[in-house]
């Protein structure tokens, strides 16, 4: 399956990594792709490390396992960089996208010499400015769409608007903030290496 993209998400319980992976799967599905989106976690508790996965392809996906050699890794919480081997199996032709304000020297050190592309976004800043609270999953979702090129950005935004309107039908006041977080994040992703 040459056209399949595999993504592994690292976050902590309550930060929305699982939700973001499922939203990405839904958006890709709505553009005609074959998809998988699923989490893996141990004891379910707030703050515990969790992993979520996406497979996105133009052809049917026949693999049903965790992702061991991802094309992309998304790190929702940079405190995981020192405790979890987030680059395990990450293809050097892919990229890692990290929610952080740390400098490139620090990142290269904690990424154990990963030679692929490193992208960052300050998801805290984006979400505080657009949502008024810290919800890192919305900016990270937009960041991985931008970095991976999985889908056209306009199609992504249109699909997400429908999803967000449905999800927050009883809280319409949060819809525009979430859409603004997505739009800003598409522009705020920085390539460090």
N, C-alpha and C. Protein backbone atom coordinates (compact mmCIF):
# COMPACT_ATOMS: atom_id res chain seq x y z
N UNK A 1 0.83 -1.19 0.00
CA UNK A 1 0.00 0.00 0.00
C UNK A 1 0.88 1.25 0.00
N UNK A 2 1.37 1.61 -1.13
CA UNK A 2 2.28 2.74 -1.24
C UNK A 2 1.61 4.06 -0.89
N UNK A 3 0.30 4.16 -1.11
CA UNK A 3 -0.36 5.45 -0.91
C UNK A 3 -0.93 5.61 0.49
N UNK A 4 -0.68 4.67 1.39
CA UNK A 4 -1.22 4.76 2.74
C UNK A 4 -0.32 5.63 3.62
N UNK A 5 -0.98 6.49 4.40
CA UNK A 5 -0.28 7.33 5.37
C UNK A 5 -0.66 6.83 6.76
N UNK A 6 0.37 6.63 7.60
CA UNK A 6 0.13 6.18 8.96
C UNK A 6 0.61 7.26 9.93
N UNK A 7 -0.24 7.56 10.91
CA UNK A 7 0.04 8.62 11.88
C UNK A 7 -0.12 8.05 13.28
N UNK A 8 0.83 8.39 14.15
CA UNK A 8 0.72 8.02 15.56
C UNK A 8 0.65 9.30 16.39
N UNK A 9 -0.32 9.36 17.28
CA UNK A 9 -0.53 10.51 18.17
C UNK A 9 -0.07 10.15 19.57
N UNK A 10 0.65 11.07 20.23
CA UNK A 10 1.03 10.91 21.63
C UNK A 10 0.46 12.09 22.41
N UNK A 11 -0.26 11.79 23.47
CA UNK A 11 -0.82 12.84 24.30
C UNK A 11 -1.06 12.31 25.70
N UNK A 12 -1.78 13.07 26.46
CA UNK A 12 -2.18 12.65 27.80
C UNK A 12 -3.70 12.63 27.86
N UNK A 13 -4.23 11.74 28.70
CA UNK A 13 -5.67 11.63 28.84
C UNK A 13 -6.30 12.98 29.14
N UNK A 14 -7.32 13.35 28.40
CA UNK A 14 -8.01 14.61 28.61
C UNK A 14 -7.56 15.73 27.69
N UNK A 15 -6.51 15.51 26.90
CA UNK A 15 -6.03 16.56 25.99
C UNK A 15 -6.65 16.47 24.60
N UNK A 16 -7.38 15.41 24.33
CA UNK A 16 -8.09 15.32 23.07
C UNK A 16 -7.34 14.66 21.92
N UNK A 17 -6.24 13.95 22.19
CA UNK A 17 -5.51 13.28 21.10
C UNK A 17 -6.41 12.23 20.42
N UNK A 18 -7.13 11.46 21.23
CA UNK A 18 -8.03 10.45 20.66
C UNK A 18 -9.11 11.12 19.82
N UNK A 19 -9.70 12.18 20.34
CA UNK A 19 -10.75 12.90 19.61
C UNK A 19 -10.20 13.46 18.30
N UNK A 20 -9.00 14.04 18.34
CA UNK A 20 -8.40 14.61 17.13
C UNK A 20 -8.15 13.52 16.09
N UNK A 21 -7.68 12.35 16.52
CA UNK A 21 -7.43 11.27 15.55
C UNK A 21 -8.75 10.80 14.92
N UNK A 22 -9.81 10.78 15.70
CA UNK A 22 -11.11 10.36 15.15
C UNK A 22 -11.68 11.44 14.23
N UNK A 23 -11.49 12.71 14.57
CA UNK A 23 -11.95 13.79 13.68
C UNK A 23 -11.18 13.78 12.36
N UNK A 24 -9.88 13.50 12.44
CA UNK A 24 -9.08 13.40 11.22
C UNK A 24 -9.58 12.25 10.35
N UNK A 25 -9.88 11.13 10.97
CA UNK A 25 -10.41 9.98 10.22
C UNK A 25 -11.73 10.34 9.54
N UNK A 26 -12.62 11.00 10.27
CA UNK A 26 -13.91 11.40 9.69
C UNK A 26 -13.72 12.35 8.52
N UNK A 27 -12.84 13.34 8.69
CA UNK A 27 -12.62 14.32 7.61
C UNK A 27 -12.04 13.64 6.38
N UNK A 28 -11.08 12.74 6.57
CA UNK A 28 -10.48 12.02 5.44
C UNK A 28 -11.53 11.14 4.76
N UNK A 29 -12.35 10.47 5.55
CA UNK A 29 -13.41 9.62 5.00
C UNK A 29 -14.36 10.45 4.13
N UNK A 30 -14.68 11.65 4.60
CA UNK A 30 -15.60 12.51 3.85
C UNK A 30 -15.01 13.04 2.55
N UNK A 31 -13.69 12.89 2.36
CA UNK A 31 -13.07 13.27 1.09
C UNK A 31 -12.85 12.05 0.20
N UNK A 32 -13.43 10.89 0.60
CA UNK A 32 -13.37 9.70 -0.23
C UNK A 32 -12.24 8.75 0.10
N UNK A 33 -11.55 8.96 1.20
CA UNK A 33 -10.43 8.08 1.57
C UNK A 33 -10.93 6.90 2.40
N UNK A 34 -10.12 5.86 2.44
CA UNK A 34 -10.33 4.75 3.36
C UNK A 34 -9.57 5.12 4.63
N UNK A 35 -10.16 4.83 5.77
CA UNK A 35 -9.57 5.34 7.01
C UNK A 35 -9.62 4.33 8.15
N UNK A 36 -8.75 4.55 9.11
CA UNK A 36 -8.82 3.93 10.42
C UNK A 36 -8.40 4.99 11.42
N UNK A 37 -9.07 5.03 12.55
CA UNK A 37 -8.72 5.93 13.63
C UNK A 37 -9.07 5.23 14.93
N UNK A 38 -8.06 5.00 15.78
CA UNK A 38 -8.31 4.24 17.00
C UNK A 38 -7.29 4.59 18.08
N UNK A 39 -7.70 4.50 19.35
CA UNK A 39 -6.80 4.81 20.46
C UNK A 39 -6.22 3.54 21.08
N UNK A 40 -5.19 3.76 21.89
CA UNK A 40 -4.64 2.70 22.72
C UNK A 40 -4.25 3.36 24.04
N UNK A 41 -4.80 2.86 25.12
CA UNK A 41 -4.39 3.38 26.41
C UNK A 41 -4.53 2.32 27.47
N UNK A 42 -3.79 2.52 28.54
CA UNK A 42 -3.86 1.61 29.68
C UNK A 42 -4.98 2.07 30.59
N UNK A 43 -4.69 2.19 31.88
CA UNK A 43 -5.72 2.66 32.80
C UNK A 43 -6.21 4.04 32.38
N UNK A 44 -7.50 4.15 32.20
CA UNK A 44 -8.05 5.42 31.72
C UNK A 44 -8.10 6.42 32.87
N UNK A 45 -7.17 7.36 32.85
CA UNK A 45 -7.21 8.42 33.84
C UNK A 45 -6.66 9.70 33.24
N UNK A 46 -7.15 10.79 33.75
CA UNK A 46 -6.73 12.10 33.28
C UNK A 46 -5.22 12.25 33.47
N UNK A 47 -4.52 12.67 32.43
CA UNK A 47 -3.09 12.92 32.52
C UNK A 47 -2.20 11.74 32.19
N UNK A 48 -2.76 10.55 32.07
CA UNK A 48 -1.95 9.37 31.74
C UNK A 48 -1.59 9.40 30.25
N UNK A 49 -0.39 8.94 29.89
CA UNK A 49 -0.02 8.91 28.46
C UNK A 49 -0.97 8.01 27.66
N UNK A 50 -1.37 8.51 26.51
CA UNK A 50 -2.20 7.71 25.60
C UNK A 50 -1.59 7.78 24.21
N UNK A 51 -1.95 6.82 23.39
CA UNK A 51 -1.52 6.79 22.00
C UNK A 51 -2.76 6.59 21.15
N UNK A 52 -2.82 7.27 20.04
CA UNK A 52 -3.92 7.09 19.09
C UNK A 52 -3.30 6.95 17.70
N UNK A 53 -4.06 6.40 16.78
CA UNK A 53 -3.51 6.08 15.46
C UNK A 53 -4.49 6.46 14.35
N UNK A 54 -3.91 6.75 13.17
CA UNK A 54 -4.68 6.93 11.93
C UNK A 54 -3.99 6.20 10.80
N UNK A 55 -4.79 5.56 9.99
CA UNK A 55 -4.36 5.08 8.68
C UNK A 55 -5.29 5.73 7.67
N UNK A 56 -4.72 6.30 6.62
CA UNK A 56 -5.51 6.96 5.59
C UNK A 56 -4.95 6.53 4.25
N UNK A 57 -5.86 6.07 3.37
CA UNK A 57 -5.41 5.49 2.10
C UNK A 57 -6.44 5.74 1.00
N UNK A 58 -5.98 5.67 -0.25
CA UNK A 58 -6.88 5.75 -1.40
C UNK A 58 -7.47 4.39 -1.74
N UNK A 59 -6.93 3.33 -1.15
CA UNK A 59 -7.41 1.97 -1.40
C UNK A 59 -7.79 1.31 -0.07
N UNK A 60 -8.59 0.27 -0.12
CA UNK A 60 -9.00 -0.38 1.14
C UNK A 60 -7.80 -0.77 2.00
N UNK A 61 -7.97 -0.63 3.31
CA UNK A 61 -6.91 -0.93 4.27
C UNK A 61 -7.18 -2.31 4.85
N UNK A 62 -6.23 -3.20 4.71
CA UNK A 62 -6.40 -4.57 5.18
C UNK A 62 -5.58 -4.89 6.43
N UNK A 63 -4.85 -3.90 6.93
CA UNK A 63 -4.03 -4.08 8.13
C UNK A 63 -4.90 -3.71 9.35
N UNK A 64 -4.83 -4.53 10.38
CA UNK A 64 -5.58 -4.25 11.61
C UNK A 64 -4.66 -4.46 12.81
N UNK A 65 -3.77 -3.51 13.02
CA UNK A 65 -2.83 -3.59 14.14
C UNK A 65 -2.45 -2.18 14.53
N UNK A 66 -1.68 -2.06 15.61
CA UNK A 66 -1.11 -0.76 15.95
C UNK A 66 -0.16 -0.35 14.84
N UNK A 67 0.28 0.88 14.88
CA UNK A 67 1.21 1.40 13.87
C UNK A 67 2.60 1.46 14.50
N UNK A 68 3.50 0.71 13.91
CA UNK A 68 4.85 0.61 14.46
C UNK A 68 5.87 1.45 13.70
N UNK A 69 5.61 1.74 12.43
CA UNK A 69 6.52 2.54 11.60
C UNK A 69 5.75 3.68 10.94
N UNK A 70 5.33 4.67 11.74
CA UNK A 70 4.49 5.74 11.20
C UNK A 70 5.23 6.66 10.24
N UNK A 71 4.44 7.27 9.36
CA UNK A 71 4.97 8.32 8.48
C UNK A 71 5.06 9.64 9.25
N UNK A 72 4.11 9.83 10.16
CA UNK A 72 4.04 11.07 10.93
C UNK A 72 3.74 10.74 12.39
N UNK A 73 4.29 11.57 13.28
CA UNK A 73 3.98 11.49 14.70
C UNK A 73 3.53 12.87 15.15
N UNK A 74 2.45 12.90 15.94
CA UNK A 74 1.95 14.13 16.53
C UNK A 74 2.13 14.04 18.03
N UNK A 75 2.81 15.01 18.62
CA UNK A 75 3.02 15.04 20.07
C UNK A 75 2.21 16.22 20.62
N UNK A 76 1.13 15.89 21.32
CA UNK A 76 0.21 16.90 21.84
C UNK A 76 0.75 17.55 23.11
N UNK A 77 1.61 16.84 23.84
CA UNK A 77 2.15 17.34 25.11
C UNK A 77 3.66 17.13 25.12
N UNK A 78 4.43 18.22 25.10
CA UNK A 78 5.88 18.08 25.00
C UNK A 78 6.53 17.52 26.25
N UNK A 79 5.80 17.37 27.36
CA UNK A 79 6.39 16.72 28.54
C UNK A 79 6.61 15.23 28.28
N UNK A 80 5.95 14.69 27.27
CA UNK A 80 6.13 13.28 26.92
C UNK A 80 7.47 13.03 26.22
N UNK A 81 8.11 14.07 25.71
CA UNK A 81 9.36 13.91 24.96
C UNK A 81 10.45 13.26 25.79
N UNK A 82 10.44 13.48 27.09
CA UNK A 82 11.48 12.93 27.94
C UNK A 82 11.11 11.58 28.56
N UNK A 83 9.85 11.18 28.43
CA UNK A 83 9.43 9.92 29.05
C UNK A 83 8.94 8.86 28.07
N UNK A 84 8.63 9.25 26.84
CA UNK A 84 8.12 8.31 25.83
C UNK A 84 9.01 8.43 24.59
N UNK A 85 9.37 7.31 24.00
CA UNK A 85 10.17 7.34 22.76
C UNK A 85 9.24 7.63 21.59
N UNK A 86 8.93 8.91 21.41
CA UNK A 86 7.95 9.31 20.40
C UNK A 86 8.43 9.07 18.97
N UNK A 87 9.74 8.94 18.77
CA UNK A 87 10.25 8.71 17.42
C UNK A 87 10.43 7.23 17.08
N UNK A 88 10.05 6.34 17.99
CA UNK A 88 10.20 4.89 17.74
C UNK A 88 9.54 4.51 16.43
N UNK A 89 10.33 4.00 15.50
CA UNK A 89 9.81 3.54 14.22
C UNK A 89 9.47 4.64 13.23
N UNK A 90 9.56 5.90 13.63
CA UNK A 90 9.18 7.01 12.75
C UNK A 90 10.11 7.06 11.54
N UNK A 91 9.51 7.03 10.36
CA UNK A 91 10.29 7.03 9.12
C UNK A 91 11.03 8.35 8.95
N UNK A 92 12.31 8.31 8.57
CA UNK A 92 13.06 9.55 8.37
C UNK A 92 12.52 10.38 7.20
N UNK A 93 11.71 9.76 6.34
CA UNK A 93 11.10 10.49 5.23
C UNK A 93 9.82 11.20 5.67
N UNK A 94 9.39 10.94 6.90
CA UNK A 94 8.18 11.55 7.43
C UNK A 94 8.49 12.79 8.23
N UNK A 95 7.70 13.01 9.28
CA UNK A 95 7.90 14.20 10.11
C UNK A 95 7.25 14.01 11.47
N UNK A 96 7.73 14.81 12.41
CA UNK A 96 7.12 14.86 13.73
C UNK A 96 6.60 16.27 13.94
N UNK A 97 5.40 16.37 14.50
CA UNK A 97 4.75 17.66 14.76
C UNK A 97 4.55 17.75 16.28
N UNK A 98 5.14 18.77 16.90
CA UNK A 98 5.16 18.86 18.36
C UNK A 98 4.52 20.16 18.84
N UNK A 99 3.67 20.05 19.83
CA UNK A 99 3.12 21.21 20.52
C UNK A 99 4.18 21.65 21.53
N UNK A 100 4.94 22.68 21.18
CA UNK A 100 6.03 23.11 22.05
C UNK A 100 6.49 24.51 21.69
N UNK A 101 7.19 25.11 22.66
CA UNK A 101 7.90 26.37 22.41
C UNK A 101 9.41 26.17 22.61
N UNK A 102 9.82 24.91 22.80
CA UNK A 102 11.24 24.59 23.02
C UNK A 102 12.03 24.82 21.73
N UNK A 103 13.35 25.08 21.90
CA UNK A 103 14.19 25.34 20.74
C UNK A 103 14.66 24.05 20.07
N UNK A 104 15.19 24.20 18.87
CA UNK A 104 15.57 23.06 18.04
C UNK A 104 16.68 22.23 18.69
N UNK A 105 17.60 22.86 19.40
CA UNK A 105 18.68 22.11 20.04
C UNK A 105 18.11 21.14 21.09
N UNK A 106 17.22 21.65 21.93
CA UNK A 106 16.58 20.80 22.93
C UNK A 106 15.81 19.65 22.25
N UNK A 107 15.05 19.98 21.23
CA UNK A 107 14.24 18.96 20.55
C UNK A 107 15.11 17.87 19.92
N UNK A 108 16.18 18.27 19.27
CA UNK A 108 17.06 17.26 18.65
C UNK A 108 17.65 16.34 19.72
N UNK A 109 17.96 16.90 20.88
CA UNK A 109 18.52 16.09 21.97
C UNK A 109 17.50 15.06 22.46
N UNK A 110 16.28 15.49 22.74
CA UNK A 110 15.28 14.55 23.28
C UNK A 110 14.68 13.64 22.22
N UNK A 111 14.88 13.96 20.94
CA UNK A 111 14.38 13.10 19.86
C UNK A 111 15.43 12.08 19.43
N UNK A 112 16.50 11.97 20.20
CA UNK A 112 17.51 10.92 20.02
C UNK A 112 18.06 10.85 18.60
N UNK A 113 18.35 12.02 18.02
CA UNK A 113 18.98 12.04 16.71
C UNK A 113 18.05 11.78 15.54
N UNK A 114 16.75 11.90 15.75
CA UNK A 114 15.81 11.72 14.63
C UNK A 114 16.22 12.63 13.47
N UNK A 115 16.35 12.06 12.27
CA UNK A 115 16.88 12.83 11.14
C UNK A 115 15.82 13.38 10.20
N UNK A 116 14.55 13.09 10.47
CA UNK A 116 13.48 13.60 9.61
C UNK A 116 13.10 15.03 9.96
N UNK A 117 12.04 15.50 9.36
CA UNK A 117 11.58 16.87 9.57
C UNK A 117 10.92 17.03 10.94
N UNK A 118 11.18 18.19 11.56
CA UNK A 118 10.60 18.52 12.86
C UNK A 118 9.79 19.80 12.69
N UNK A 119 8.51 19.72 13.03
CA UNK A 119 7.61 20.88 12.97
C UNK A 119 7.10 21.17 14.37
N UNK A 120 6.88 22.45 14.66
CA UNK A 120 6.32 22.82 15.95
C UNK A 120 5.17 23.79 15.77
N UNK A 121 4.34 23.84 16.80
CA UNK A 121 3.28 24.83 16.89
C UNK A 121 3.04 25.07 18.37
N UNK A 122 2.76 26.29 18.73
CA UNK A 122 2.41 26.62 20.11
C UNK A 122 0.90 26.51 20.23
N UNK A 123 0.43 25.29 20.45
CA UNK A 123 -1.01 25.02 20.51
C UNK A 123 -1.65 25.71 21.72
N UNK A 124 -0.86 25.89 22.79
CA UNK A 124 -1.40 26.60 23.96
C UNK A 124 -1.76 28.04 23.58
N UNK A 125 -0.83 28.73 22.93
CA UNK A 125 -1.05 30.13 22.53
C UNK A 125 -2.24 30.23 21.59
N UNK A 126 -2.29 29.36 20.58
CA UNK A 126 -3.38 29.40 19.60
C UNK A 126 -4.72 29.16 20.28
N UNK A 127 -4.79 28.13 21.13
CA UNK A 127 -6.09 27.82 21.74
C UNK A 127 -6.50 28.89 22.75
N UNK A 128 -5.56 29.45 23.49
CA UNK A 128 -5.93 30.50 24.44
C UNK A 128 -6.44 31.75 23.70
N UNK A 129 -5.80 32.08 22.57
CA UNK A 129 -6.20 33.27 21.80
C UNK A 129 -7.54 33.08 21.09
N UNK A 130 -7.82 31.86 20.65
CA UNK A 130 -9.03 31.64 19.85
C UNK A 130 -10.19 31.03 20.63
N UNK A 131 -9.86 30.24 21.65
CA UNK A 131 -10.89 29.54 22.42
C UNK A 131 -11.03 30.05 23.85
N UNK A 132 -10.01 30.75 24.33
CA UNK A 132 -10.04 31.25 25.69
C UNK A 132 -9.71 30.19 26.74
N UNK A 133 -9.43 28.98 26.31
CA UNK A 133 -9.06 27.87 27.19
C UNK A 133 -8.03 27.02 26.46
N UNK A 134 -7.37 26.16 27.22
CA UNK A 134 -6.33 25.31 26.63
C UNK A 134 -6.91 23.99 26.15
N UNK A 135 -7.14 23.91 24.85
CA UNK A 135 -7.56 22.69 24.18
C UNK A 135 -6.57 22.45 23.03
N UNK A 136 -5.49 21.69 23.28
CA UNK A 136 -4.45 21.55 22.27
C UNK A 136 -4.83 20.71 21.06
N UNK A 137 -5.88 19.90 21.16
CA UNK A 137 -6.18 18.98 20.06
C UNK A 137 -6.61 19.69 18.78
N UNK A 138 -7.34 20.79 18.89
CA UNK A 138 -7.79 21.49 17.68
C UNK A 138 -6.61 22.04 16.88
N UNK A 139 -5.68 22.77 17.52
CA UNK A 139 -4.51 23.22 16.75
C UNK A 139 -3.66 22.08 16.21
N UNK A 140 -3.52 21.00 16.98
CA UNK A 140 -2.68 19.88 16.52
C UNK A 140 -3.31 19.16 15.34
N UNK A 141 -4.63 19.10 15.30
CA UNK A 141 -5.34 18.50 14.17
C UNK A 141 -5.03 19.27 12.89
N UNK A 142 -5.16 20.59 12.95
CA UNK A 142 -4.85 21.42 11.78
C UNK A 142 -3.38 21.30 11.40
N UNK A 143 -2.51 21.23 12.40
CA UNK A 143 -1.07 21.15 12.13
C UNK A 143 -0.71 19.89 11.35
N UNK A 144 -1.28 18.74 11.72
CA UNK A 144 -0.93 17.51 11.01
C UNK A 144 -1.52 17.51 9.59
N UNK A 145 -2.67 18.13 9.42
CA UNK A 145 -3.23 18.24 8.06
C UNK A 145 -2.29 19.08 7.19
N UNK A 146 -1.80 20.18 7.75
CA UNK A 146 -0.88 21.06 7.01
C UNK A 146 0.42 20.33 6.66
N UNK A 147 1.02 19.67 7.64
CA UNK A 147 2.32 19.04 7.45
C UNK A 147 2.23 17.84 6.52
N UNK A 148 1.20 17.02 6.67
CA UNK A 148 1.10 15.79 5.90
C UNK A 148 0.49 15.98 4.51
N UNK A 149 -0.29 17.03 4.33
CA UNK A 149 -0.95 17.24 3.05
C UNK A 149 -1.99 16.16 2.75
N UNK A 150 -2.54 15.56 3.78
CA UNK A 150 -3.51 14.47 3.62
C UNK A 150 -4.69 14.91 2.77
N UNK A 151 -5.10 16.16 2.96
CA UNK A 151 -6.23 16.67 2.20
C UNK A 151 -6.06 18.16 1.96
N UNK A 152 -6.83 18.65 1.03
CA UNK A 152 -6.85 20.06 0.70
C UNK A 152 -7.33 20.84 1.93
N UNK A 153 -6.66 21.94 2.25
CA UNK A 153 -6.98 22.70 3.46
C UNK A 153 -8.40 23.25 3.44
N UNK A 154 -8.87 23.71 2.28
CA UNK A 154 -10.24 24.24 2.20
C UNK A 154 -11.27 23.14 2.44
N UNK A 155 -11.03 21.95 1.86
CA UNK A 155 -11.92 20.82 2.11
C UNK A 155 -11.91 20.45 3.59
N UNK A 156 -10.74 20.46 4.18
CA UNK A 156 -10.60 20.14 5.61
C UNK A 156 -11.41 21.12 6.44
N UNK A 157 -11.25 22.43 6.20
CA UNK A 157 -11.97 23.43 6.98
C UNK A 157 -13.47 23.31 6.80
N UNK A 158 -13.91 23.07 5.58
CA UNK A 158 -15.36 22.92 5.32
C UNK A 158 -15.91 21.70 6.06
N UNK A 159 -15.17 20.60 6.00
CA UNK A 159 -15.63 19.40 6.69
C UNK A 159 -15.64 19.60 8.20
N UNK A 160 -14.61 20.23 8.72
CA UNK A 160 -14.53 20.45 10.16
C UNK A 160 -15.63 21.39 10.64
N UNK A 161 -16.00 22.36 9.83
CA UNK A 161 -17.09 23.25 10.22
C UNK A 161 -18.38 22.46 10.43
N UNK A 162 -18.65 21.52 9.52
CA UNK A 162 -19.83 20.67 9.68
C UNK A 162 -19.73 19.80 10.92
N UNK A 163 -18.57 19.21 11.15
CA UNK A 163 -18.37 18.35 12.32
C UNK A 163 -18.51 19.13 13.62
N UNK A 164 -17.91 20.31 13.66
CA UNK A 164 -17.95 21.13 14.88
C UNK A 164 -19.38 21.62 15.14
N UNK A 165 -20.08 22.02 14.09
CA UNK A 165 -21.48 22.46 14.27
C UNK A 165 -22.33 21.32 14.82
N UNK A 166 -22.08 20.11 14.34
CA UNK A 166 -22.83 18.95 14.83
C UNK A 166 -22.46 18.64 16.28
N UNK A 167 -21.15 18.59 16.55
CA UNK A 167 -20.68 18.24 17.90
C UNK A 167 -21.12 19.25 18.94
N UNK A 168 -21.11 20.53 18.58
CA UNK A 168 -21.44 21.58 19.54
C UNK A 168 -22.78 22.25 19.23
N UNK A 169 -23.72 21.46 18.76
CA UNK A 169 -25.05 22.00 18.42
C UNK A 169 -25.69 22.73 19.60
N UNK A 170 -25.42 22.25 20.82
CA UNK A 170 -26.02 22.87 22.01
C UNK A 170 -25.13 23.96 22.60
N UNK A 171 -23.94 24.17 22.00
CA UNK A 171 -23.04 25.23 22.45
C UNK A 171 -22.52 26.00 21.23
N UNK A 172 -23.42 26.65 20.49
CA UNK A 172 -23.00 27.33 19.25
C UNK A 172 -21.95 28.41 19.46
N UNK A 173 -21.82 28.91 20.70
CA UNK A 173 -20.85 29.97 20.96
C UNK A 173 -19.40 29.50 20.81
N UNK A 174 -19.14 28.19 20.81
CA UNK A 174 -17.76 27.70 20.68
C UNK A 174 -17.38 27.36 19.23
N UNK A 175 -18.34 27.40 18.34
CA UNK A 175 -18.08 26.99 16.95
C UNK A 175 -17.06 27.90 16.29
N UNK A 176 -17.25 29.20 16.32
CA UNK A 176 -16.34 30.12 15.63
C UNK A 176 -14.95 30.07 16.23
N UNK A 177 -14.83 29.93 17.55
CA UNK A 177 -13.51 29.82 18.18
C UNK A 177 -12.74 28.61 17.70
N UNK A 178 -13.42 27.48 17.58
CA UNK A 178 -12.77 26.26 17.07
C UNK A 178 -12.36 26.43 15.62
N UNK A 179 -13.22 27.05 14.82
CA UNK A 179 -12.87 27.26 13.41
C UNK A 179 -11.68 28.22 13.30
N UNK A 180 -11.67 29.26 14.12
CA UNK A 180 -10.56 30.20 14.11
C UNK A 180 -9.27 29.51 14.54
N UNK A 181 -9.36 28.61 15.53
CA UNK A 181 -8.18 27.86 15.98
C UNK A 181 -7.62 27.03 14.83
N UNK A 182 -8.48 26.41 14.04
CA UNK A 182 -8.03 25.62 12.89
C UNK A 182 -7.36 26.51 11.84
N UNK A 183 -8.00 27.64 11.52
CA UNK A 183 -7.45 28.54 10.49
C UNK A 183 -6.09 29.10 10.92
N UNK A 184 -5.99 29.54 12.17
CA UNK A 184 -4.73 30.11 12.67
C UNK A 184 -3.64 29.04 12.67
N UNK A 185 -3.99 27.84 13.11
CA UNK A 185 -3.00 26.76 13.22
C UNK A 185 -2.42 26.37 11.87
N UNK A 186 -3.23 26.41 10.83
CA UNK A 186 -2.72 26.09 9.50
C UNK A 186 -1.59 27.05 9.10
N UNK A 187 -1.60 28.26 9.66
CA UNK A 187 -0.58 29.25 9.34
C UNK A 187 0.58 29.27 10.35
N UNK A 188 0.35 28.76 11.55
CA UNK A 188 1.32 28.88 12.64
C UNK A 188 2.33 27.73 12.73
N UNK A 189 2.17 26.70 11.93
CA UNK A 189 3.10 25.56 12.00
C UNK A 189 4.47 26.01 11.48
N UNK A 190 5.51 25.70 12.25
CA UNK A 190 6.88 26.08 11.89
C UNK A 190 7.73 24.86 11.63
N UNK A 191 8.50 24.87 10.55
CA UNK A 191 9.45 23.80 10.30
C UNK A 191 10.78 24.20 10.91
N UNK A 192 11.26 23.38 11.87
CA UNK A 192 12.54 23.68 12.52
C UNK A 192 13.70 22.98 11.86
N UNK A 193 13.46 21.77 11.41
CA UNK A 193 14.56 21.01 10.81
C UNK A 193 14.03 20.08 9.74
